[in-house]
């Protein structure tokens, strides 16, 4: 059973909650953690930009990661949302089985 951790940012708490809720309801992810406000500094359209964002961490099965990423992009307000998938190499076996059980 291979699992992934998805990392994404959102424009606001409301957007983060909307994305997380829809992905859990659709069983594309087992759970999501929404972290408090963060500061992002990045280059956009050849200008260094500083914005407040909200971080979302989601857990899913590896074979659903691509579909979950596509859904996040679809729901997101940004033109180019930050969404990446990381392998979960080890973890509490019961928790990893729970992720598998709660995704479809």
C-alpha atoms as a PDB file:
ATOM      1  CA  UNK A   1       0.000   0.000   0.000  1.00  0.00           C
ATOM      2  CA  UNK A   2       1.641   3.190  -1.207  1.00  0.00           C
ATOM      3  CA  UNK A   3       0.547   6.537   0.204  1.00  0.00           C
ATOM      4  CA  UNK A   4       1.178  10.180  -0.634  1.00  0.00           C
ATOM      5  CA  UNK A   5       1.185  13.438   1.243  1.00  0.00           C
ATOM      6  CA  UNK A   6      -0.071  16.344  -0.834  1.00  0.00           C
ATOM      7  CA  UNK A   7       1.084  19.871  -0.036  1.00  0.00           C
ATOM      8  CA  UNK A   8      -0.880  22.844  -1.347  1.00  0.00           C
ATOM      9  CA  UNK A   9      -1.424  26.481  -0.531  1.00  0.00           C
ATOM     10  CA  UNK A  10      -4.658  28.453  -0.702  1.00  0.00           C
ATOM     11  CA  UNK A  11      -5.526  32.132  -0.828  1.00  0.00           C
ATOM     12  CA  UNK A  12      -7.628  32.008   2.364  1.00  0.00           C
ATOM     13  CA  UNK A  13      -8.860  29.810   5.202  1.00  0.00           C
ATOM     14  CA  UNK A  14     -12.231  29.595   3.457  1.00  0.00           C
ATOM     15  CA  UNK A  15     -10.709  28.381   0.192  1.00  0.00           C
ATOM     16  CA  UNK A  16      -8.543  25.841   2.053  1.00  0.00           C
ATOM     17  CA  UNK A  17     -11.581  24.497   3.918  1.00  0.00           C
ATOM     18  CA  UNK A  18     -13.621  24.286   0.716  1.00  0.00           C
ATOM     19  CA  UNK A  19     -10.910  22.355  -1.128  1.00  0.00           C
ATOM     20  CA  UNK A  20     -10.225  20.032   1.830  1.00  0.00           C
ATOM     21  CA  UNK A  21     -13.911  19.313   2.463  1.00  0.00           C
ATOM     22  CA  UNK A  22     -14.663  18.491  -1.174  1.00  0.00           C
ATOM     23  CA  UNK A  23     -11.660  16.171  -1.495  1.00  0.00           C
ATOM     24  CA  UNK A  24     -12.568  14.300   1.710  1.00  0.00           C
ATOM     25  CA  UNK A  25     -16.250  14.084   0.662  1.00  0.00           C
ATOM     26  CA  UNK A  26     -15.215  12.719  -2.744  1.00  0.00           C
ATOM     27  CA  UNK A  27     -12.857  10.234  -1.010  1.00  0.00           C
ATOM     28  CA  UNK A  28      -9.889  11.479  -3.019  1.00  0.00           C
ATOM     29  CA  UNK A  29      -8.077  12.063   0.286  1.00  0.00           C
ATOM     30  CA  UNK A  30      -8.571  10.524   3.719  1.00  0.00           C
ATOM     31  CA  UNK A  31      -7.920  13.709   5.649  1.00  0.00           C
ATOM     32  CA  UNK A  32      -6.556  17.217   5.441  1.00  0.00           C
ATOM     33  CA  UNK A  33      -4.759  19.496   7.860  1.00  0.00           C
ATOM     34  CA  UNK A  34      -5.149  23.218   7.371  1.00  0.00           C
ATOM     35  CA  UNK A  35      -2.318  25.168   8.920  1.00  0.00           C
ATOM     36  CA  UNK A  36      -2.582  28.783   9.987  1.00  0.00           C
ATOM     37  CA  UNK A  37      -1.548  31.757   7.927  1.00  0.00           C
ATOM     38  CA  UNK A  38       1.860  31.603   6.288  1.00  0.00           C
ATOM     39  CA  UNK A  39       3.898  34.077   4.297  1.00  0.00           C
ATOM     40  CA  UNK A  40       4.873  33.121   0.760  1.00  0.00           C
ATOM     41  CA  UNK A  41       7.550  34.961  -1.185  1.00  0.00           C
ATOM     42  CA  UNK A  42       7.824  34.046  -4.846  1.00  0.00           C
ATOM     43  CA  UNK A  43       8.442  35.397  -8.315  1.00  0.00           C
ATOM     44  CA  UNK A  44       5.313  35.915 -10.424  1.00  0.00           C
ATOM     45  CA  UNK A  45       5.238  37.659 -13.793  1.00  0.00           C
ATOM     46  CA  UNK A  46       8.844  38.758 -13.306  1.00  0.00           C
ATOM     47  CA  UNK A  47       8.151  40.461  -9.981  1.00  0.00           C
ATOM     48  CA  UNK A  48       8.998  39.296  -6.449  1.00  0.00           C
ATOM     49  CA  UNK A  49       5.721  39.004  -4.568  1.00  0.00           C
ATOM     50  CA  UNK A  50       4.885  38.526  -0.886  1.00  0.00           C
ATOM     51  CA  UNK A  51       1.447  37.171   0.042  1.00  0.00           C
ATOM     52  CA  UNK A  52      -0.328  35.595   3.002  1.00  0.00           C
ATOM     53  CA  UNK A  53      -1.542  32.071   2.256  1.00  0.00           C
ATOM     54  CA  UNK A  54      -2.886  29.035   4.083  1.00  0.00           C
ATOM     55  CA  UNK A  55      -1.127  25.654   3.873  1.00  0.00           C
ATOM     56  CA  UNK A  56      -3.109  22.450   3.284  1.00  0.00           C
ATOM     57  CA  UNK A  57      -1.609  19.002   3.894  1.00  0.00           C
ATOM     58  CA  UNK A  58      -3.657  16.079   2.581  1.00  0.00           C
ATOM     59  CA  UNK A  59      -3.129  12.306   2.790  1.00  0.00           C
ATOM     60  CA  UNK A  60      -4.148   9.852   0.082  1.00  0.00           C
ATOM     61  CA  UNK A  61      -3.339   6.619  -1.706  1.00  0.00           C
ATOM     62  CA  UNK A  62      -0.629   6.906  -4.353  1.00  0.00           C
ATOM     63  CA  UNK A  63      -2.969   5.843  -7.138  1.00  0.00           C
ATOM     64  CA  UNK A  64      -5.345   8.734  -6.301  1.00  0.00           C
ATOM     65  CA  UNK A  65      -2.669  11.447  -6.098  1.00  0.00           C
ATOM     66  CA  UNK A  66      -2.918  12.526  -9.727  1.00  0.00           C
ATOM     67  CA  UNK A  67      -6.704  12.740  -9.579  1.00  0.00           C
ATOM     68  CA  UNK A  68      -6.589  14.646  -6.260  1.00  0.00           C
ATOM     69  CA  UNK A  69      -4.049  17.124  -7.681  1.00  0.00           C
ATOM     70  CA  UNK A  70      -6.233  17.705 -10.735  1.00  0.00           C
ATOM     71  CA  UNK A  71      -9.264  18.312  -8.508  1.00  0.00           C
ATOM     72  CA  UNK A  72      -7.347  20.801  -6.332  1.00  0.00           C
ATOM     73  CA  UNK A  73      -6.271  22.704  -9.449  1.00  0.00           C
ATOM     74  CA  UNK A  74      -9.869  22.682 -10.716  1.00  0.00           C
ATOM     75  CA  UNK A  75     -11.261  24.054  -7.432  1.00  0.00           C
ATOM     76  CA  UNK A  76      -8.475  26.575  -6.821  1.00  0.00           C
ATOM     77  CA  UNK A  77      -8.709  30.321  -7.424  1.00  0.00           C
ATOM     78  CA  UNK A  78      -5.060  30.665  -8.500  1.00  0.00           C
ATOM     79  CA  UNK A  79      -3.949  30.562 -12.121  1.00  0.00           C
ATOM     80  CA  UNK A  80      -1.057  28.279 -11.127  1.00  0.00           C
ATOM     81  CA  UNK A  81      -1.675  26.746  -7.666  1.00  0.00           C
ATOM     82  CA  UNK A  82       1.197  25.211  -5.726  1.00  0.00           C
ATOM     83  CA  UNK A  83       0.375  21.527  -5.360  1.00  0.00           C
ATOM     84  CA  UNK A  84       2.975  18.777  -4.929  1.00  0.00           C
ATOM     85  CA  UNK A  85       2.901  15.111  -3.922  1.00  0.00           C
ATOM     86  CA  UNK A  86       5.455  13.528  -1.625  1.00  0.00           C
ATOM     87  CA  UNK A  87       5.921   9.828  -0.919  1.00  0.00           C
ATOM     88  CA  UNK A  88       5.130   8.644   2.588  1.00  0.00           C
ATOM     89  CA  UNK A  89       7.918   6.129   3.091  1.00  0.00           C
ATOM     90  CA  UNK A  90       7.110   5.080   6.636  1.00  0.00           C
ATOM     91  CA  UNK A  91       4.465   5.746   9.247  1.00  0.00           C
ATOM     92  CA  UNK A  92       2.135   4.240  11.789  1.00  0.00           C
ATOM     93  CA  UNK A  93       0.894   1.124   9.939  1.00  0.00           C
ATOM     94  CA  UNK A  94      -2.607   1.516  11.393  1.00  0.00           C
ATOM     95  CA  UNK A  95      -2.777   5.126  10.175  1.00  0.00           C
ATOM     96  CA  UNK A  96      -1.552   4.151   6.705  1.00  0.00           C
ATOM     97  CA  UNK A  97      -4.231   1.442   6.541  1.00  0.00           C
ATOM     98  CA  UNK A  98      -6.798   4.043   7.681  1.00  0.00           C
ATOM     99  CA  UNK A  99      -5.789   6.291   4.762  1.00  0.00           C
ATOM    100  CA  UNK A 100      -6.260   3.365   2.384  1.00  0.00           C
ATOM    101  CA  UNK A 101      -9.648   2.476   3.903  1.00  0.00           C
ATOM    102  CA  UNK A 102     -10.980   6.047   3.708  1.00  0.00           C
ATOM    103  CA  UNK A 103     -10.137   6.729   0.080  1.00  0.00           C
ATOM    104  CA  UNK A 104     -11.728   5.096  -2.924  1.00  0.00           C
END
